[in-house]
């Protein structure tokens, strides 16, 4: 199982803060997981659309989309953060 946490506007747009999903076969990277979530269609396809600026954390560490994910990982998806 993979625990997915959604933050900020993604949480608001998707209507949930987190979910736990079985790691589907064929999902090897964070990018694969995002594609899988987009395939749900509707708000998922729109909110997480290809080219959307977002950041991904695996087990609380910011990673590139190509990073390998494994069963038991915690994935955070959030918009880029700016400070000032």
PDB file of N, CA and C in Angstrom:
ATOM      1  N   UNK A   1       0.837  -1.180   0.000  1.00  0.00           N
ATOM      2  CA  UNK A   1       0.000   0.000   0.000  1.00  0.00           C
ATOM      3  C   UNK A   1       0.886   1.250   0.000  1.00  0.00           C
ATOM      4  N   UNK A   2       0.416   2.265  -0.660  1.00  0.00           N
ATOM      5  CA  UNK A   2       1.093   3.561  -0.710  1.00  0.00           C
ATOM      6  C   UNK A   2       0.151   4.591  -0.096  1.00  0.00           C
ATOM      7  N   UNK A   3       0.692   5.414   0.791  1.00  0.00           N
ATOM      8  CA  UNK A   3      -0.086   6.496   1.386  1.00  0.00           C
ATOM      9  C   UNK A   3       0.230   7.763   0.598  1.00  0.00           C
ATOM     10  N   UNK A   4      -0.809   8.406   0.058  1.00  0.00           N
ATOM     11  CA  UNK A   4      -0.641   9.622  -0.728  1.00  0.00           C
ATOM     12  C   UNK A   4      -1.260  10.779   0.045  1.00  0.00           C
ATOM     13  N   UNK A   5      -0.483  11.836   0.235  1.00  0.00           N
ATOM     14  CA  UNK A   5      -0.936  13.033   0.929  1.00  0.00           C
ATOM     15  C   UNK A   5      -1.026  14.172  -0.083  1.00  0.00           C
ATOM     16  N   UNK A   6      -2.142  14.893  -0.061  1.00  0.00           N
ATOM     17  CA  UNK A   6      -2.345  16.028  -0.955  1.00  0.00           C
ATOM     18  C   UNK A   6      -2.342  17.303  -0.124  1.00  0.00           C
ATOM     19  N   UNK A   7      -1.635  18.323  -0.607  1.00  0.00           N
ATOM     20  CA  UNK A   7      -1.489  19.547   0.152  1.00  0.00           C
ATOM     21  C   UNK A   7      -2.009  20.759  -0.616  1.00  0.00           C
ATOM     22  N   UNK A   8      -2.365  21.800   0.155  1.00  0.00           N
ATOM     23  CA  UNK A   8      -2.740  23.117  -0.361  1.00  0.00           C
ATOM     24  C   UNK A   8      -3.856  23.010  -1.406  1.00  0.00           C
ATOM     25  N   UNK A   9      -3.675  23.649  -2.544  1.00  0.00           N
ATOM     26  CA  UNK A   9      -4.765  23.686  -3.531  1.00  0.00           C
ATOM     27  C   UNK A   9      -5.100  22.317  -4.096  1.00  0.00           C
ATOM     28  N   UNK A  10      -4.130  21.389  -4.109  1.00  0.00           N
ATOM     29  CA  UNK A  10      -4.442  20.042  -4.587  1.00  0.00           C
ATOM     30  C   UNK A  10      -5.445  19.374  -3.654  1.00  0.00           C
ATOM     31  N   UNK A  11      -5.263  19.536  -2.364  1.00  0.00           N
ATOM     32  CA  UNK A  11      -6.203  18.983  -1.383  1.00  0.00           C
ATOM     33  C   UNK A  11      -7.590  19.588  -1.593  1.00  0.00           C
ATOM     34  N   UNK A  12      -7.631  20.894  -1.807  1.00  0.00           N
ATOM     35  CA  UNK A  12      -8.920  21.571  -2.008  1.00  0.00           C
ATOM     36  C   UNK A  12      -9.588  21.126  -3.298  1.00  0.00           C
ATOM     37  N   UNK A  13      -8.845  21.071  -4.389  1.00  0.00           N
ATOM     38  CA  UNK A  13      -9.422  20.712  -5.678  1.00  0.00           C
ATOM     39  C   UNK A  13      -9.861  19.253  -5.731  1.00  0.00           C
ATOM     40  N   UNK A  14      -9.098  18.369  -5.106  1.00  0.00           N
ATOM     41  CA  UNK A  14      -9.438  16.939  -5.142  1.00  0.00           C
ATOM     42  C   UNK A  14     -10.456  16.557  -4.078  1.00  0.00           C
ATOM     43  N   UNK A  15     -10.589  17.397  -3.044  1.00  0.00           N
ATOM     44  CA  UNK A  15     -11.570  17.128  -2.003  1.00  0.00           C
ATOM     45  C   UNK A  15     -11.135  16.080  -0.998  1.00  0.00           C
ATOM     46  N   UNK A  16      -9.831  15.814  -0.904  1.00  0.00           N
ATOM     47  CA  UNK A  16      -9.352  14.907   0.128  1.00  0.00           C
ATOM     48  C   UNK A  16      -7.905  15.239   0.470  1.00  0.00           C
ATOM     49  N   UNK A  17      -7.548  14.950   1.706  1.00  0.00           N
ATOM     50  CA  UNK A  17      -6.209  15.254   2.199  1.00  0.00           C
ATOM     51  C   UNK A  17      -5.260  14.081   2.006  1.00  0.00           C
ATOM     52  N   UNK A  18      -5.788  12.871   2.034  1.00  0.00           N
ATOM     53  CA  UNK A  18      -4.930  11.700   1.876  1.00  0.00           C
ATOM     54  C   UNK A  18      -5.741  10.493   1.479  1.00  0.00           C
ATOM     55  N   UNK A  19      -5.037   9.500   0.973  1.00  0.00           N
ATOM     56  CA  UNK A  19      -5.645   8.217   0.647  1.00  0.00           C
ATOM     57  C   UNK A  19      -4.564   7.157   0.671  1.00  0.00           C
ATOM     58  N   UNK A  20      -4.974   5.944   0.844  1.00  0.00           N
ATOM     59  CA  UNK A  20      -4.070   4.804   0.788  1.00  0.00           C
ATOM     60  C   UNK A  20      -4.528   3.940  -0.374  1.00  0.00           C
ATOM     61  N   UNK A  21      -3.591   3.626  -1.249  1.00  0.00           N
ATOM     62  CA  UNK A  21      -3.924   2.831  -2.424  1.00  0.00           C
ATOM     63  C   UNK A  21      -2.968   1.657  -2.538  1.00  0.00           C
ATOM     64  N   UNK A  22      -3.468   0.592  -3.108  1.00  0.00           N
ATOM     65  CA  UNK A  22      -2.592  -0.541  -3.425  1.00  0.00           C
ATOM     66  C   UNK A  22      -1.687  -0.099  -4.557  1.00  0.00           C
ATOM     67  N   UNK A  23      -0.449  -0.457  -4.490  1.00  0.00           N
ATOM     68  CA  UNK A  23       0.507  -0.081  -5.533  1.00  0.00           C
ATOM     69  C   UNK A  23       0.177  -0.890  -6.790  1.00  0.00           C
ATOM     70  N   UNK A  24      -0.391  -0.224  -7.802  1.00  0.00           N
ATOM     71  CA  UNK A  24      -0.763  -0.946  -9.015  1.00  0.00           C
ATOM     72  C   UNK A  24       0.467  -1.499  -9.736  1.00  0.00           C
ATOM     73  N   UNK A  25       0.300  -2.623 -10.403  1.00  0.00           N
ATOM     74  CA  UNK A  25       1.426  -3.165 -11.163  1.00  0.00           C
ATOM     75  C   UNK A  25       1.757  -2.181 -12.286  1.00  0.00           C
ATOM     76  N   UNK A  26       3.018  -2.106 -12.616  1.00  0.00           N
ATOM     77  CA  UNK A  26       3.441  -1.181 -13.653  1.00  0.00           C
ATOM     78  C   UNK A  26       3.788   0.200 -13.134  1.00  0.00           C
ATOM     79  N   UNK A  27       3.553   0.453 -11.846  1.00  0.00           N
ATOM     80  CA  UNK A  27       3.899   1.735 -11.242  1.00  0.00           C
ATOM     81  C   UNK A  27       5.270   1.576 -10.594  1.00  0.00           C
ATOM     82  N   UNK A  28       6.279   2.180 -11.214  1.00  0.00           N
ATOM     83  CA  UNK A  28       7.641   2.052 -10.696  1.00  0.00           C
ATOM     84  C   UNK A  28       8.193   3.369 -10.175  1.00  0.00           C
ATOM     85  N   UNK A  29       7.673   4.495 -10.698  1.00  0.00           N
ATOM     86  CA  UNK A  29       8.212   5.802 -10.330  1.00  0.00           C
ATOM     87  C   UNK A  29       7.097   6.733  -9.868  1.00  0.00           C
ATOM     88  N   UNK A  30       7.502   7.853  -9.287  1.00  0.00           N
ATOM     89  CA  UNK A  30       6.524   8.869  -8.890  1.00  0.00           C
ATOM     90  C   UNK A  30       5.775   9.385 -10.120  1.00  0.00           C
ATOM     91  N   UNK A  31       6.467   9.534 -11.238  1.00  0.00           N
ATOM     92  CA  UNK A  31       5.816   9.966 -12.477  1.00  0.00           C
ATOM     93  C   UNK A  31       4.754   8.958 -12.916  1.00  0.00           C
ATOM     94  N   UNK A  32       5.043   7.672 -12.783  1.00  0.00           N
ATOM     95  CA  UNK A  32       4.052   6.633 -13.108  1.00  0.00           C
ATOM     96  C   UNK A  32       2.821   6.775 -12.223  1.00  0.00           C
ATOM     97  N   UNK A  33       3.035   7.059 -10.942  1.00  0.00           N
ATOM     98  CA  UNK A  33       1.916   7.217 -10.012  1.00  0.00           C
ATOM     99  C   UNK A  33       1.063   8.412 -10.407  1.00  0.00           C
ATOM    100  N   UNK A  34       1.699   9.521 -10.766  1.00  0.00           N
ATOM    101  CA  UNK A  34       0.935  10.697 -11.209  1.00  0.00           C
ATOM    102  C   UNK A  34       0.114  10.369 -12.449  1.00  0.00           C
ATOM    103  N   UNK A  35       0.686   9.659 -13.395  1.00  0.00           N
ATOM    104  CA  UNK A  35      -0.046   9.260 -14.602  1.00  0.00           C
ATOM    105  C   UNK A  35      -1.234   8.369 -14.237  1.00  0.00           C
ATOM    106  N   UNK A  36      -1.023   7.460 -13.300  1.00  0.00           N
ATOM    107  CA  UNK A  36      -2.098   6.583 -12.831  1.00  0.00           C
ATOM    108  C   UNK A  36      -3.237   7.397 -12.214  1.00  0.00           C
ATOM    109  N   UNK A  37      -2.893   8.389 -11.403  1.00  0.00           N
ATOM    110  CA  UNK A  37      -3.916   9.235 -10.776  1.00  0.00           C
ATOM    111  C   UNK A  37      -4.650  10.061 -11.824  1.00  0.00           C
ATOM    112  N   UNK A  38      -3.938  10.586 -12.828  1.00  0.00           N
ATOM    113  CA  UNK A  38      -4.577  11.346 -13.910  1.00  0.00           C
ATOM    114  C   UNK A  38      -5.559  10.476 -14.679  1.00  0.00           C
ATOM    115  N   UNK A  39      -5.233   9.200 -14.820  1.00  0.00           N
ATOM    116  CA  UNK A  39      -6.103   8.281 -15.562  1.00  0.00           C
ATOM    117  C   UNK A  39      -7.464   8.095 -14.905  1.00  0.00           C
ATOM    118  N   UNK A  40      -7.622   8.553 -13.672  1.00  0.00           N
ATOM    119  CA  UNK A  40      -8.937   8.512 -13.024  1.00  0.00           C
ATOM    120  C   UNK A  40      -9.926   9.428 -13.736  1.00  0.00           C
ATOM    121  N   UNK A  41      -9.387  10.395 -14.476  1.00  0.00           N
ATOM    122  CA  UNK A  41     -10.228  11.318 -15.233  1.00  0.00           C
ATOM    123  C   UNK A  41     -10.783  12.444 -14.379  1.00  0.00           C
ATOM    124  N   UNK A  42     -11.663  13.237 -14.961  1.00  0.00           N
ATOM    125  CA  UNK A  42     -12.343  14.316 -14.255  1.00  0.00           C
ATOM    126  C   UNK A  42     -11.403  15.276 -13.559  1.00  0.00           C
ATOM    127  N   UNK A  43     -11.722  15.568 -12.297  1.00  0.00           N
ATOM    128  CA  UNK A  43     -10.937  16.505 -11.507  1.00  0.00           C
ATOM    129  C   UNK A  43      -9.489  16.037 -11.353  1.00  0.00           C
ATOM    130  N   UNK A  44      -9.272  14.723 -11.351  1.00  0.00           N
ATOM    131  CA  UNK A  44      -7.920  14.180 -11.225  1.00  0.00           C
ATOM    132  C   UNK A  44      -7.088  14.555 -12.445  1.00  0.00           C
ATOM    133  N   UNK A  45      -7.652  14.348 -13.627  1.00  0.00           N
ATOM    134  CA  UNK A  45      -6.937  14.665 -14.859  1.00  0.00           C
ATOM    135  C   UNK A  45      -6.659  16.158 -14.957  1.00  0.00           C
ATOM    136  N   UNK A  46      -7.587  16.974 -14.509  1.00  0.00           N
ATOM    137  CA  UNK A  46      -7.422  18.421 -14.581  1.00  0.00           C
ATOM    138  C   UNK A  46      -6.429  18.929 -13.536  1.00  0.00           C
ATOM    139  N   UNK A  47      -6.567  18.488 -12.300  1.00  0.00           N
ATOM    140  CA  UNK A  47      -5.733  18.985 -11.206  1.00  0.00           C
ATOM    141  C   UNK A  47      -4.281  18.551 -11.357  1.00  0.00           C
ATOM    142  N   UNK A  48      -4.055  17.324 -11.757  1.00  0.00           N
ATOM    143  CA  UNK A  48      -2.695  16.775 -11.866  1.00  0.00           C
ATOM    144  C   UNK A  48      -2.239  16.667 -13.319  1.00  0.00           C
ATOM    145  N   UNK A  49      -2.818  17.510 -14.170  1.00  0.00           N
ATOM    146  CA  UNK A  49      -2.552  17.420 -15.614  1.00  0.00           C
ATOM    147  C   UNK A  49      -1.060  17.509 -15.930  1.00  0.00           C
ATOM    148  N   UNK A  50      -0.710  16.924 -17.048  1.00  0.00           N
ATOM    149  CA  UNK A  50       0.675  16.948 -17.536  1.00  0.00           C
ATOM    150  C   UNK A  50       1.119  18.403 -17.649  1.00  0.00           C
ATOM    151  N   UNK A  51       2.291  18.696 -17.139  1.00  0.00           N
ATOM    152  CA  UNK A  51       2.813  20.056 -17.184  1.00  0.00           C
ATOM    153  C   UNK A  51       2.437  20.913 -15.989  1.00  0.00           C
ATOM    154  N   UNK A  52       1.543  20.411 -15.124  1.00  0.00           N
ATOM    155  CA  UNK A  52       1.163  21.137 -13.915  1.00  0.00           C
ATOM    156  C   UNK A  52       2.384  21.269 -13.011  1.00  0.00           C
ATOM    157  N   UNK A  53       2.591  22.453 -12.491  1.00  0.00           N
ATOM    158  CA  UNK A  53       3.721  22.649 -11.569  1.00  0.00           C
ATOM    159  C   UNK A  53       3.374  22.037 -10.226  1.00  0.00           C
ATOM    160  N   UNK A  54       4.158  21.057  -9.832  1.00  0.00           N
ATOM    161  CA  UNK A  54       3.943  20.418  -8.540  1.00  0.00           C
ATOM    162  C   UNK A  54       5.253  19.862  -8.028  1.00  0.00           C
ATOM    163  N   UNK A  55       5.247  19.578  -6.750  1.00  0.00           N
ATOM    164  CA  UNK A  55       6.410  18.968  -6.117  1.00  0.00           C
ATOM    165  C   UNK A  55       5.986  17.630  -5.532  1.00  0.00           C
ATOM    166  N   UNK A  56       6.937  16.718  -5.474  1.00  0.00           N
ATOM    167  CA  UNK A  56       6.672  15.378  -4.961  1.00  0.00           C
ATOM    168  C   UNK A  56       7.678  15.070  -3.857  1.00  0.00           C
ATOM    169  N   UNK A  57       7.172  14.522  -2.780  1.00  0.00           N
ATOM    170  CA  UNK A  57       8.048  14.048  -1.711  1.00  0.00           C
ATOM    171  C   UNK A  57       7.787  12.560  -1.519  1.00  0.00           C
ATOM    172  N   UNK A  58       8.839  11.806  -1.351  1.00  0.00           N
ATOM    173  CA  UNK A  58       8.727  10.386  -1.031  1.00  0.00           C
ATOM    174  C   UNK A  58       9.369  10.213   0.341  1.00  0.00           C
ATOM    175  N   UNK A  59       8.547   9.741   1.260  1.00  0.00           N
ATOM    176  CA  UNK A  59       9.001   9.557   2.641  1.00  0.00           C
ATOM    177  C   UNK A  59       9.628  10.843   3.188  1.00  0.00           C
ATOM    178  N   UNK A  60       8.934  11.960   2.915  1.00  0.00           N
ATOM    179  CA  UNK A  60       9.261  13.294   3.414  1.00  0.00           C
ATOM    180  C   UNK A  60      10.554  13.863   2.846  1.00  0.00           C
ATOM    181  N   UNK A  61      10.961  13.393   1.685  1.00  0.00           N
ATOM    182  CA  UNK A  61      12.138  13.927   1.000  1.00  0.00           C
ATOM    183  C   UNK A  61      11.730  14.345  -0.410  1.00  0.00           C
ATOM    184  N   UNK A  62      11.986  15.606  -0.769  1.00  0.00           N
ATOM    185  CA  UNK A  62      11.650  16.102  -2.099  1.00  0.00           C
ATOM    186  C   UNK A  62      12.458  15.310  -3.131  1.00  0.00           C
ATOM    187  N   UNK A  63      11.752  14.848  -4.167  1.00  0.00           N
ATOM    188  CA  UNK A  63      12.391  14.010  -5.186  1.00  0.00           C
ATOM    189  C   UNK A  63      11.997  14.463  -6.581  1.00  0.00           C
ATOM    190  N   UNK A  64      12.711  13.952  -7.552  1.00  0.00           N
ATOM    191  CA  UNK A  64      12.361  14.153  -8.957  1.00  0.00           C
ATOM    192  C   UNK A  64      11.322  13.087  -9.330  1.00  0.00           C
ATOM    193  N   UNK A  65      10.513  13.364 -10.351  1.00  0.00           N
ATOM    194  CA  UNK A  65       9.472  12.409 -10.746  1.00  0.00           C
ATOM    195  C   UNK A  65       9.996  11.020 -11.119  1.00  0.00           C
ATOM    196  N   UNK A  66      11.263  10.930 -11.498  1.00  0.00           N
ATOM    197  CA  UNK A  66      11.820   9.654 -11.943  1.00  0.00           C
ATOM    198  C   UNK A  66      12.202   8.735 -10.795  1.00  0.00           C
ATOM    199  N   UNK A  67      12.079   9.197  -9.556  1.00  0.00           N
ATOM    200  CA  UNK A  67      12.498   8.378  -8.424  1.00  0.00           C
ATOM    201  C   UNK A  67      11.614   7.124  -8.320  1.00  0.00           C
ATOM    202  N   UNK A  68      12.232   6.026  -7.958  1.00  0.00           N
ATOM    203  CA  UNK A  68      11.510   4.770  -7.775  1.00  0.00           C
ATOM    204  C   UNK A  68      10.685   4.831  -6.497  1.00  0.00           C
ATOM    205  N   UNK A  69       9.465   4.346  -6.585  1.00  0.00           N
ATOM    206  CA  UNK A  69       8.626   4.236  -5.387  1.00  0.00           C
ATOM    207  C   UNK A  69       8.350   2.771  -5.115  1.00  0.00           C
ATOM    208  N   UNK A  70       8.084   2.496  -3.840  1.00  0.00           N
ATOM    209  CA  UNK A  70       7.882   1.104  -3.417  1.00  0.00           C
ATOM    210  C   UNK A  70       6.669   0.993  -2.518  1.00  0.00           C
ATOM    211  N   UNK A  71       6.173  -0.198  -2.409  1.00  0.00           N
ATOM    212  CA  UNK A  71       5.093  -0.481  -1.486  1.00  0.00           C
ATOM    213  C   UNK A  71       5.511  -0.017  -0.092  1.00  0.00           C
ATOM    214  N   UNK A  72       4.630   0.675   0.605  1.00  0.00           N
ATOM    215  CA  UNK A  72       4.917   1.171   1.937  1.00  0.00           C
ATOM    216  C   UNK A  72       5.390   2.613   1.974  1.00  0.00           C
ATOM    217  N   UNK A  73       5.661   3.204   0.809  1.00  0.00           N
ATOM    218  CA  UNK A  73       6.106   4.592   0.769  1.00  0.00           C
ATOM    219  C   UNK A  73       4.967   5.554   1.071  1.00  0.00           C
ATOM    220  N   UNK A  74       5.362   6.737   1.543  1.00  0.00           N
ATOM    221  CA  UNK A  74       4.434   7.849   1.728  1.00  0.00           C
ATOM    222  C   UNK A  74       4.793   8.888   0.673  1.00  0.00           C
ATOM    223  N   UNK A  75       3.815   9.265  -0.139  1.00  0.00           N
ATOM    224  CA  UNK A  75       4.020  10.204  -1.228  1.00  0.00           C
ATOM    225  C   UNK A  75       3.265  11.484  -0.918  1.00  0.00           C
ATOM    226  N   UNK A  76       3.946  12.606  -0.954  1.00  0.00           N
ATOM    227  CA  UNK A  76       3.319  13.908  -0.785  1.00  0.00           C
ATOM    228  C   UNK A  76       3.291  14.629  -2.117  1.00  0.00           C
ATOM    229  N   UNK A  77       2.144  15.220  -2.449  1.00  0.00           N
ATOM    230  CA  UNK A  77       2.002  15.972  -3.691  1.00  0.00           C
ATOM    231  C   UNK A  77       1.532  17.369  -3.322  1.00  0.00           C
ATOM    232  N   UNK A  78       2.310  18.373  -3.725  1.00  0.00           N
ATOM    233  CA  UNK A  78       1.965  19.745  -3.335  1.00  0.00           C
ATOM    234  C   UNK A  78       2.486  20.742  -4.372  1.00  0.00           C
ATOM    235  N   UNK A  79       1.866  21.933  -4.408  1.00  0.00           N
ATOM    236  CA  UNK A  79       2.336  22.955  -5.331  1.00  0.00           C
ATOM    237  C   UNK A  79       3.670  23.522  -4.868  1.00  0.00           C
ATOM    238  N   UNK A  80       4.429  24.115  -5.798  1.00  0.00           N
ATOM    239  CA  UNK A  80       5.680  24.757  -5.403  1.00  0.00           C
ATOM    240  C   UNK A  80       5.408  25.806  -4.325  1.00  0.00           C
ATOM    241  N   UNK A  81       6.328  25.946  -3.398  1.00  0.00           N
ATOM    242  CA  UNK A  81       6.172  26.890  -2.305  1.00  0.00           C
ATOM    243  C   UNK A  81       7.106  28.066  -2.551  1.00  0.00           C
ATOM    244  N   UNK A  82       6.566  29.253  -2.347  1.00  0.00           N
ATOM    245  CA  UNK A  82       7.411  30.434  -2.465  1.00  0.00           C
ATOM    246  C   UNK A  82       7.386  31.172  -1.143  1.00  0.00           C
ATOM    247  N   UNK A  83       8.414  31.873  -0.889  1.00  0.00           N
ATOM    248  CA  UNK A  83       8.487  32.649   0.366  1.00  0.00           C
ATOM    249  C   UNK A  83       8.845  34.074   0.056  1.00  0.00           C
ATOM    250  N   UNK A  84       8.733  34.907   1.059  1.00  0.00           N
ATOM    251  CA  UNK A  84       9.068  36.288   0.775  1.00  0.00           C
ATOM    252  C   UNK A  84       9.206  37.113   2.013  1.00  0.00           C
TER     253      UNK A  84
END
